[in-house]
Amino acid sequence: MTGTVVFDLDGTLADTAADLVAAANGCFASRGLGALLDPVADARIAFHGGRAMLRAGYARAPADTIIPPGAEDEDFLRLLDFYAEDIARHTRLYDGAGEALEALRGAELILSVCTNKPEHLAEKLLQALGIRDHFAALVGADTLPVRKPDPLAYRAAVERAGGHVARSFLVGDTETDLRTARAAGVKVALIGFGPEGPGISRLGPDWLLEDFHGLPDLAAQWLASDRKTL
């Protein structure tokens, strides 16, 4: 029985912050507010989702700005449209990510994605990045009635890929990913080169990845250790 490695997407496999911020700024510009977020300084906000970006932007609007009731819901839908139109202008895979995926598949591990990005956008981005074929399944924010950190989302990502939850682990970049893994009863590797950098170690993950080049060896050691417990 082989193992399964489940990946988060935004901030884990790829740096998507600039394109996410651009979509939010498109919403602000449509209200005559200009670009209220910075793609570098506000990268961590971007990885908390579209609504977090909108709220952060509204908070920076001039004091005399009137944000009408329902603006967030309206702008959120507009943000998704802006993002879908130009989903990978600035987005790039993190260094070594593609090679790591190739190596994991070469080791006959099953790969899957569990993301809080809407499924159709995740599909589009993975295709644009040229890595969709590496993954046997994809569970997005709207694939199920629940999303991460609910363990049902993680379990579905494993089982739809043909794997077994007890023989899987998660690779992510946020507290949400850690909470997901803990709720599902699996181990988690958090990347130390994402939005928060090495400071993510404060969460106490099972592993901290300094770069993607170390992931194949980590997976091999995990698999060997796991087999000893069977």
C-alpha atoms as a PDB file:
ATOM      1  CA  MET A   1       0.000   0.000   0.000  1.00  0.00           C
ATOM      2  CA  THR A   2       1.523   3.266  -1.114  1.00  0.00           C
ATOM      3  CA  GLY A   3       1.306   6.628   0.620  1.00  0.00           C
ATOM      4  CA  THR A   4      -0.418   9.869  -0.305  1.00  0.00           C
ATOM      5  CA  VAL A   5       0.943  13.403  -0.093  1.00  0.00           C
ATOM      6  CA  VAL A   6      -1.698  16.141  -0.014  1.00  0.00           C
ATOM      7  CA  PHE A   7      -0.753  19.704  -0.938  1.00  0.00           C
ATOM      8  CA  ASP A   8      -2.257  23.058  -0.199  1.00  0.00           C
ATOM      9  CA  LEU A   9      -1.981  25.361  -3.224  1.00  0.00           C
ATOM     10  CA  ASP A  10      -1.723  29.112  -2.541  1.00  0.00           C
ATOM     11  CA  GLY A  11       1.436  29.941  -0.626  1.00  0.00           C
ATOM     12  CA  THR A  12       2.519  26.304  -0.611  1.00  0.00           C
ATOM     13  CA  LEU A  13       3.105  25.164  -4.176  1.00  0.00           C
ATOM     14  CA  ALA A  14       3.035  28.621  -5.697  1.00  0.00           C
ATOM     15  CA  ASP A  15       3.370  32.263  -4.741  1.00  0.00           C
ATOM     16  CA  THR A  16       0.002  33.611  -5.876  1.00  0.00           C
ATOM     17  CA  ALA A  17      -0.040  36.792  -3.789  1.00  0.00           C
ATOM     18  CA  ALA A  18       0.572  39.319  -6.567  1.00  0.00           C
ATOM     19  CA  ASP A  19      -2.287  38.059  -8.727  1.00  0.00           C
ATOM     20  CA  LEU A  20      -4.647  37.835  -5.753  1.00  0.00           C
ATOM     21  CA  VAL A  21      -3.803  41.388  -4.688  1.00  0.00           C
ATOM     22  CA  ALA A  22      -4.240  42.609  -8.266  1.00  0.00           C
ATOM     23  CA  ALA A  23      -7.766  41.176  -8.291  1.00  0.00           C
ATOM     24  CA  ALA A  24      -8.605  42.899  -5.009  1.00  0.00           C
ATOM     25  CA  ASN A  25      -7.155  46.171  -6.250  1.00  0.00           C
ATOM     26  CA  GLY A  26      -9.348  45.838  -9.325  1.00  0.00           C
ATOM     27  CA  CYS A  27     -12.350  45.876  -7.016  1.00  0.00           C
ATOM     28  CA  PHE A  28     -11.098  48.947  -5.179  1.00  0.00           C
ATOM     29  CA  ALA A  29     -10.356  50.729  -8.443  1.00  0.00           C
ATOM     30  CA  SER A  30     -13.896  50.065  -9.649  1.00  0.00           C
ATOM     31  CA  ARG A  31     -15.066  52.049  -6.612  1.00  0.00           C
ATOM     32  CA  GLY A  32     -12.653  54.865  -7.386  1.00  0.00           C
ATOM     33  CA  LEU A  33     -10.354  54.006  -4.488  1.00  0.00           C
ATOM     34  CA  GLY A  34      -7.229  53.068  -6.404  1.00  0.00           C
ATOM     35  CA  ALA A  35      -4.805  50.331  -5.392  1.00  0.00           C
ATOM     36  CA  LEU A  36      -5.151  49.933  -1.635  1.00  0.00           C
ATOM     37  CA  LEU A  37      -3.041  46.791  -1.223  1.00  0.00           C
ATOM     38  CA  ASP A  38       0.619  46.131  -2.006  1.00  0.00           C
ATOM     39  CA  PRO A  39       1.520  42.766  -3.598  1.00  0.00           C
ATOM     40  CA  VAL A  40       4.643  42.395  -1.462  1.00  0.00           C
ATOM     41  CA  ALA A  41       3.796  44.031   1.855  1.00  0.00           C
ATOM     42  CA  ASP A  42       0.308  42.507   1.906  1.00  0.00           C
ATOM     43  CA  ALA A  43       1.183  39.013   0.708  1.00  0.00           C
ATOM     44  CA  ARG A  44       0.193  37.417   4.017  1.00  0.00           C
ATOM     45  CA  ILE A  45      -3.222  39.073   3.847  1.00  0.00           C
ATOM     46  CA  ALA A  46      -3.700  37.635   0.360  1.00  0.00           C
ATOM     47  CA  PHE A  47      -3.211  34.103   1.639  1.00  0.00           C
ATOM     48  CA  HIS A  48      -6.051  34.573   4.125  1.00  0.00           C
ATOM     49  CA  GLY A  49      -8.478  34.853   1.217  1.00  0.00           C
ATOM     50  CA  GLY A  50     -10.425  37.300  -0.896  1.00  0.00           C
ATOM     51  CA  ARG A  51     -12.641  38.626   1.851  1.00  0.00           C
ATOM     52  CA  ALA A  52      -9.648  39.299   4.089  1.00  0.00           C
ATOM     53  CA  MET A  53      -8.102  41.386   1.320  1.00  0.00           C
ATOM     54  CA  LEU A  54     -11.310  43.324   0.772  1.00  0.00           C
ATOM     55  CA  ARG A  55     -11.687  44.114   4.477  1.00  0.00           C
ATOM     56  CA  ALA A  56      -8.059  45.204   4.704  1.00  0.00           C
ATOM     57  CA  GLY A  57      -8.540  47.487   1.726  1.00  0.00           C
ATOM     58  CA  TYR A  58     -11.763  49.028   3.009  1.00  0.00           C
ATOM     59  CA  ALA A  59      -9.988  49.805   6.286  1.00  0.00           C
ATOM     60  CA  ARG A  60      -7.400  51.838   4.351  1.00  0.00           C
ATOM     61  CA  ALA A  61      -9.894  53.816   2.296  1.00  0.00           C
ATOM     62  CA  PRO A  62     -10.034  57.590   2.908  1.00  0.00           C
ATOM     63  CA  ALA A  63     -12.016  58.543   5.985  1.00  0.00           C
ATOM     64  CA  ASP A  64     -14.800  60.126   3.930  1.00  0.00           C
ATOM     65  CA  THR A  65     -15.297  56.987   1.827  1.00  0.00           C
ATOM     66  CA  ILE A  66     -18.706  55.371   2.133  1.00  0.00           C
ATOM     67  CA  ILE A  67     -18.608  51.606   1.748  1.00  0.00           C
ATOM     68  CA  PRO A  68     -22.241  50.635   1.122  1.00  0.00           C
ATOM     69  CA  PRO A  69     -23.934  47.677   2.836  1.00  0.00           C
ATOM     70  CA  GLY A  70     -23.347  44.501   0.884  1.00  0.00           C
ATOM     71  CA  ALA A  71     -20.161  45.833  -0.715  1.00  0.00           C
ATOM     72  CA  GLU A  72     -18.078  42.910   0.489  1.00  0.00           C
ATOM     73  CA  ASP A  73     -20.378  40.301  -1.043  1.00  0.00           C
ATOM     74  CA  GLU A  74     -20.588  42.261  -4.293  1.00  0.00           C
ATOM     75  CA  ASP A  75     -16.857  42.842  -4.489  1.00  0.00           C
ATOM     76  CA  PHE A  76     -16.024  39.261  -3.593  1.00  0.00           C
ATOM     77  CA  LEU A  77     -17.821  38.016  -6.708  1.00  0.00           C
ATOM     78  CA  ARG A  78     -16.138  40.750  -8.750  1.00  0.00           C
ATOM     79  CA  LEU A  79     -12.763  39.765  -7.274  1.00  0.00           C
ATOM     80  CA  LEU A  80     -13.238  36.158  -8.408  1.00  0.00           C
ATOM     81  CA  ASP A  81     -14.002  37.375 -11.927  1.00  0.00           C
ATOM     82  CA  PHE A  82     -10.959  39.664 -12.010  1.00  0.00           C
ATOM     83  CA  TYR A  83      -8.781  36.841 -10.715  1.00  0.00           C
ATOM     84  CA  ALA A  84     -10.092  34.268 -13.192  1.00  0.00           C
ATOM     85  CA  GLU A  85      -9.377  36.626 -16.092  1.00  0.00           C
ATOM     86  CA  ASP A  86      -5.663  36.895 -15.263  1.00  0.00           C
ATOM     87  CA  ILE A  87      -4.925  34.060 -12.864  1.00  0.00           C
ATOM     88  CA  ALA A  88      -1.253  33.458 -13.566  1.00  0.00           C
ATOM     89  CA  ARG A  89       0.285  36.724 -14.778  1.00  0.00           C
ATOM     90  CA  HIS A  90       2.685  36.927 -11.816  1.00  0.00           C
ATOM     91  CA  THR A  91       2.153  33.562 -10.094  1.00  0.00           C
ATOM     92  CA  ARG A  92       5.120  31.212 -10.082  1.00  0.00           C
ATOM     93  CA  LEU A  93       5.826  27.809  -8.594  1.00  0.00           C
ATOM     94  CA  TYR A  94       8.210  27.937  -5.669  1.00  0.00           C
ATOM     95  CA  ASP A  95      11.740  26.872  -6.508  1.00  0.00           C
ATOM     96  CA  GLY A  96      12.016  23.107  -6.720  1.00  0.00           C
ATOM     97  CA  ALA A  97       8.274  22.448  -6.517  1.00  0.00           C
ATOM     98  CA  GLY A  98       7.968  20.943  -9.985  1.00  0.00           C
ATOM     99  CA  GLU A  99      10.993  18.712  -9.507  1.00  0.00           C
ATOM    100  CA  ALA A 100       9.697  17.563  -6.114  1.00  0.00           C
ATOM    101  CA  LEU A 101       6.351  16.579  -7.614  1.00  0.00           C
ATOM    102  CA  GLU A 102       8.133  14.620 -10.337  1.00  0.00           C
ATOM    103  CA  ALA A 103      10.268  12.824  -7.758  1.00  0.00           C
ATOM    104  CA  LEU A 104       7.312  11.951  -5.550  1.00  0.00           C
ATOM    105  CA  ARG A 105       5.402  10.492  -8.476  1.00  0.00           C
ATOM    106  CA  GLY A 106       8.532   8.608  -9.498  1.00  0.00           C
ATOM    107  CA  ALA A 107       8.524   7.071  -6.022  1.00  0.00           C
ATOM    108  CA  GLU A 108       4.951   5.909  -6.739  1.00  0.00           C
ATOM    109  CA  LEU A 109       3.382   8.165  -4.152  1.00  0.00           C
ATOM    110  CA  ILE A 110      -0.150   9.425  -4.782  1.00  0.00           C
ATOM    111  CA  LEU A 111      -0.493  13.201  -4.938  1.00  0.00           C
ATOM    112  CA  SER A 112      -3.584  15.277  -4.237  1.00  0.00           C
ATOM    113  CA  VAL A 113      -4.577  18.903  -3.612  1.00  0.00           C
ATOM    114  CA  CYS A 114      -6.737  20.238  -0.776  1.00  0.00           C
ATOM    115  CA  THR A 115      -7.205  23.998  -1.051  1.00  0.00           C
ATOM    116  CA  ASN A 116      -9.575  26.696   0.142  1.00  0.00           C
ATOM    117  CA  LYS A 117      -9.491  28.203  -3.332  1.00  0.00           C
ATOM    118  CA  PRO A 118     -12.729  27.628  -5.317  1.00  0.00           C
ATOM    119  CA  GLU A 119     -12.366  24.394  -7.245  1.00  0.00           C
ATOM    120  CA  HIS A 120     -12.710  25.864 -10.747  1.00  0.00           C
ATOM    121  CA  LEU A 121     -10.030  28.469 -10.008  1.00  0.00           C
ATOM    122  CA  ALA A 122      -7.708  25.851  -8.537  1.00  0.00           C
ATOM    123  CA  GLU A 123      -8.176  23.712 -11.644  1.00  0.00           C
ATOM    124  CA  LYS A 124      -7.448  26.675 -13.889  1.00  0.00           C
ATOM    125  CA  LEU A 125      -4.333  27.671 -11.953  1.00  0.00           C
ATOM    126  CA  LEU A 126      -2.882  24.162 -11.817  1.00  0.00           C
ATOM    127  CA  GLN A 127      -3.395  23.872 -15.573  1.00  0.00           C
ATOM    128  CA  ALA A 128      -1.758  27.272 -16.151  1.00  0.00           C
ATOM    129  CA  LEU A 129       1.237  26.222 -14.044  1.00  0.00           C
ATOM    130  CA  GLY A 130       1.525  22.962 -15.983  1.00  0.00           C
ATOM    131  CA  ILE A 131       1.254  20.664 -12.957  1.00  0.00           C
ATOM    132  CA  ARG A 132      -2.381  19.487 -12.971  1.00  0.00           C
ATOM    133  CA  ASP A 133      -1.463  16.024 -14.273  1.00  0.00           C
ATOM    134  CA  HIS A 134       0.646  15.338 -11.190  1.00  0.00           C
ATOM    135  CA  PHE A 135      -2.447  15.192  -8.979  1.00  0.00           C
ATOM    136  CA  ALA A 136      -4.933  12.352  -8.823  1.00  0.00           C
ATOM    137  CA  ALA A 137      -7.592  14.530  -7.162  1.00  0.00           C
ATOM    138  CA  LEU A 138      -8.451  18.071  -6.192  1.00  0.00           C
ATOM    139  CA  VAL A 139     -10.740  19.281  -3.407  1.00  0.00           C
ATOM    140  CA  GLY A 140     -11.459  22.996  -3.373  1.00  0.00           C
ATOM    141  CA  ALA A 141     -13.349  25.380  -1.119  1.00  0.00           C
ATOM    142  CA  ASP A 142     -16.681  24.588  -2.762  1.00  0.00           C
ATOM    143  CA  THR A 143     -16.189  20.916  -3.661  1.00  0.00           C
ATOM    144  CA  LEU A 144     -17.907  19.882  -0.422  1.00  0.00           C
ATOM    145  CA  PRO A 145     -20.218  21.699   1.999  1.00  0.00           C
ATOM    146  CA  VAL A 146     -17.144  22.092   4.267  1.00  0.00           C
ATOM    147  CA  ARG A 147     -13.584  23.305   3.742  1.00  0.00           C
ATOM    148  CA  LYS A 148     -10.285  23.198   5.644  1.00  0.00           C
ATOM    149  CA  PRO A 149      -9.708  22.957   8.558  1.00  0.00           C
ATOM    150  CA  ASP A 150     -12.647  20.538   8.551  1.00  0.00           C
ATOM    151  CA  PRO A 151     -11.009  17.102   8.230  1.00  0.00           C
ATOM    152  CA  LEU A 152     -13.698  15.937   5.807  1.00  0.00           C
ATOM    153  CA  ALA A 153     -12.107  18.078   3.097  1.00  0.00           C
ATOM    154  CA  TYR A 154      -8.718  16.480   3.703  1.00  0.00           C
ATOM    155  CA  ARG A 155     -10.133  12.963   3.822  1.00  0.00           C
ATOM    156  CA  ALA A 156     -11.935  13.522   0.546  1.00  0.00           C
ATOM    157  CA  ALA A 157      -8.712  14.729  -1.083  1.00  0.00           C
ATOM    158  CA  VAL A 158      -6.979  11.508  -0.040  1.00  0.00           C
ATOM    159  CA  GLU A 159      -9.788   9.083  -0.790  1.00  0.00           C
ATOM    160  CA  ARG A 160     -10.728  10.601  -4.159  1.00  0.00           C
ATOM    161  CA  ALA A 161      -7.105  10.156  -5.168  1.00  0.00           C
ATOM    162  CA  GLY A 162      -7.284   6.467  -4.257  1.00  0.00           C
ATOM    163  CA  GLY A 163      -5.263   6.717  -1.066  1.00  0.00           C
ATOM    164  CA  HIS A 164      -5.825   5.935   2.609  1.00  0.00           C
ATOM    165  CA  VAL A 165      -5.923   8.696   5.204  1.00  0.00           C
ATOM    166  CA  ALA A 166      -3.853   6.654   7.674  1.00  0.00           C
ATOM    167  CA  ARG A 167      -1.086   6.525   5.057  1.00  0.00           C
ATOM    168  CA  SER A 168      -0.990  10.195   4.146  1.00  0.00           C
ATOM    169  CA  PHE A 169       0.405  13.559   5.218  1.00  0.00           C
ATOM    170  CA  LEU A 170      -0.209  17.202   4.372  1.00  0.00           C
ATOM    171  CA  VAL A 171       2.124  19.884   3.003  1.00  0.00           C
ATOM    172  CA  GLY A 172       0.941  23.417   3.723  1.00  0.00           C
ATOM    173  CA  ASP A 173       1.909  26.908   4.828  1.00  0.00           C
ATOM    174  CA  THR A 174      -0.626  28.171   7.392  1.00  0.00           C
ATOM    175  CA  GLU A 175      -2.230  27.479  10.734  1.00  0.00           C
ATOM    176  CA  THR A 176      -5.295  26.313   8.814  1.00  0.00           C
ATOM    177  CA  ASP A 177      -3.210  23.546   7.265  1.00  0.00           C
ATOM    178  CA  LEU A 178      -1.802  22.527  10.623  1.00  0.00           C
ATOM    179  CA  ARG A 179      -5.286  22.453  12.176  1.00  0.00           C
ATOM    180  CA  THR A 180      -6.529  20.397   9.235  1.00  0.00           C
ATOM    181  CA  ALA A 181      -3.822  17.794   9.702  1.00  0.00           C
ATOM    182  CA  ARG A 182      -4.362  17.602  13.446  1.00  0.00           C
ATOM    183  CA  ALA A 183      -8.122  17.188  12.964  1.00  0.00           C
ATOM    184  CA  ALA A 184      -7.537  14.429  10.401  1.00  0.00           C
ATOM    185  CA  GLY A 185      -4.981  12.679  12.613  1.00  0.00           C
ATOM    186  CA  VAL A 186      -2.109  12.947  10.124  1.00  0.00           C
ATOM    187  CA  LYS A 187       1.296  14.602  10.079  1.00  0.00           C
ATOM    188  CA  VAL A 188       1.981  17.965   8.486  1.00  0.00           C
ATOM    189  CA  ALA A 189       5.001  19.594   6.853  1.00  0.00           C
ATOM    190  CA  LEU A 190       4.869  23.393   6.743  1.00  0.00           C
ATOM    191  CA  ILE A 191       7.082  25.321   4.336  1.00  0.00           C
ATOM    192  CA  GLY A 192       9.568  27.744   5.827  1.00  0.00           C
ATOM    193  CA  PHE A 193       9.929  29.793   2.639  1.00  0.00           C
ATOM    194  CA  GLY A 194       6.336  30.930   2.143  1.00  0.00           C
ATOM    195  CA  PRO A 195       4.487  34.062   3.268  1.00  0.00           C
ATOM    196  CA  GLU A 196       5.563  33.775   6.909  1.00  0.00           C
ATOM    197  CA  GLY A 197       9.029  32.361   6.302  1.00  0.00           C
ATOM    198  CA  PRO A 198      10.810  30.336   9.022  1.00  0.00           C
ATOM    199  CA  GLY A 199       8.573  31.958  11.633  1.00  0.00           C
ATOM    200  CA  ILE A 200       5.912  29.400  10.753  1.00  0.00           C
ATOM    201  CA  SER A 201       7.859  27.007  12.992  1.00  0.00           C
ATOM    202  CA  ARG A 202       6.047  28.682  15.926  1.00  0.00           C
ATOM    203  CA  LEU A 203       3.099  26.402  15.115  1.00  0.00           C
ATOM    204  CA  GLY A 204       5.086  23.263  15.902  1.00  0.00           C
ATOM    205  CA  PRO A 205       4.575  21.258  12.677  1.00  0.00           C
ATOM    206  CA  ASP A 206       5.892  17.722  12.423  1.00  0.00           C
ATOM    207  CA  TRP A 207       8.372  18.945   9.817  1.00  0.00           C
ATOM    208  CA  LEU A 208       9.562  22.338   8.592  1.00  0.00           C
ATOM    209  CA  LEU A 209      10.651  22.377   4.952  1.00  0.00           C
ATOM    210  CA  GLU A 210      13.508  24.744   4.188  1.00  0.00           C
ATOM    211  CA  ASP A 211      12.953  24.184   0.455  1.00  0.00           C
ATOM    212  CA  PHE A 212      11.190  21.738  -1.847  1.00  0.00           C
ATOM    213  CA  HIS A 213      14.391  19.911  -2.664  1.00  0.00           C
ATOM    214  CA  GLY A 214      14.158  18.182   0.718  1.00  0.00           C
ATOM    215  CA  LEU A 215      10.587  16.941   0.289  1.00  0.00           C
ATOM    216  CA  PRO A 216      11.308  13.700  -1.634  1.00  0.00           C
ATOM    217  CA  ASP A 217      13.760  12.524   1.051  1.00  0.00           C
ATOM    218  CA  LEU A 218      11.338  13.505   3.801  1.00  0.00           C
ATOM    219  CA  ALA A 219       8.566  11.531   2.094  1.00  0.00           C
ATOM    220  CA  ALA A 220      10.824   8.510   1.634  1.00  0.00           C
ATOM    221  CA  GLN A 221      11.797   8.531   5.312  1.00  0.00           C
ATOM    222  CA  TRP A 222       8.168   8.930   6.352  1.00  0.00           C
ATOM    223  CA  LEU A 223       7.106   6.058   4.124  1.00  0.00           C
ATOM    224  CA  ALA A 224       9.858   3.769   5.426  1.00  0.00           C
ATOM    225  CA  SER A 225       9.012   4.629   9.028  1.00  0.00           C
ATOM    226  CA  ASP A 226       5.321   4.154   8.387  1.00  0.00           C
ATOM    227  CA  ARG A 227       5.835   0.708   6.920  1.00  0.00           C
ATOM    228  CA  LYS A 228       7.650  -0.403  10.079  1.00  0.00           C
ATOM    229  CA  THR A 229       4.507   0.303  12.097  1.00  0.00           C
ATOM    230  CA  LEU A 230       2.244  -1.831   9.911  1.00  0.00           C
END
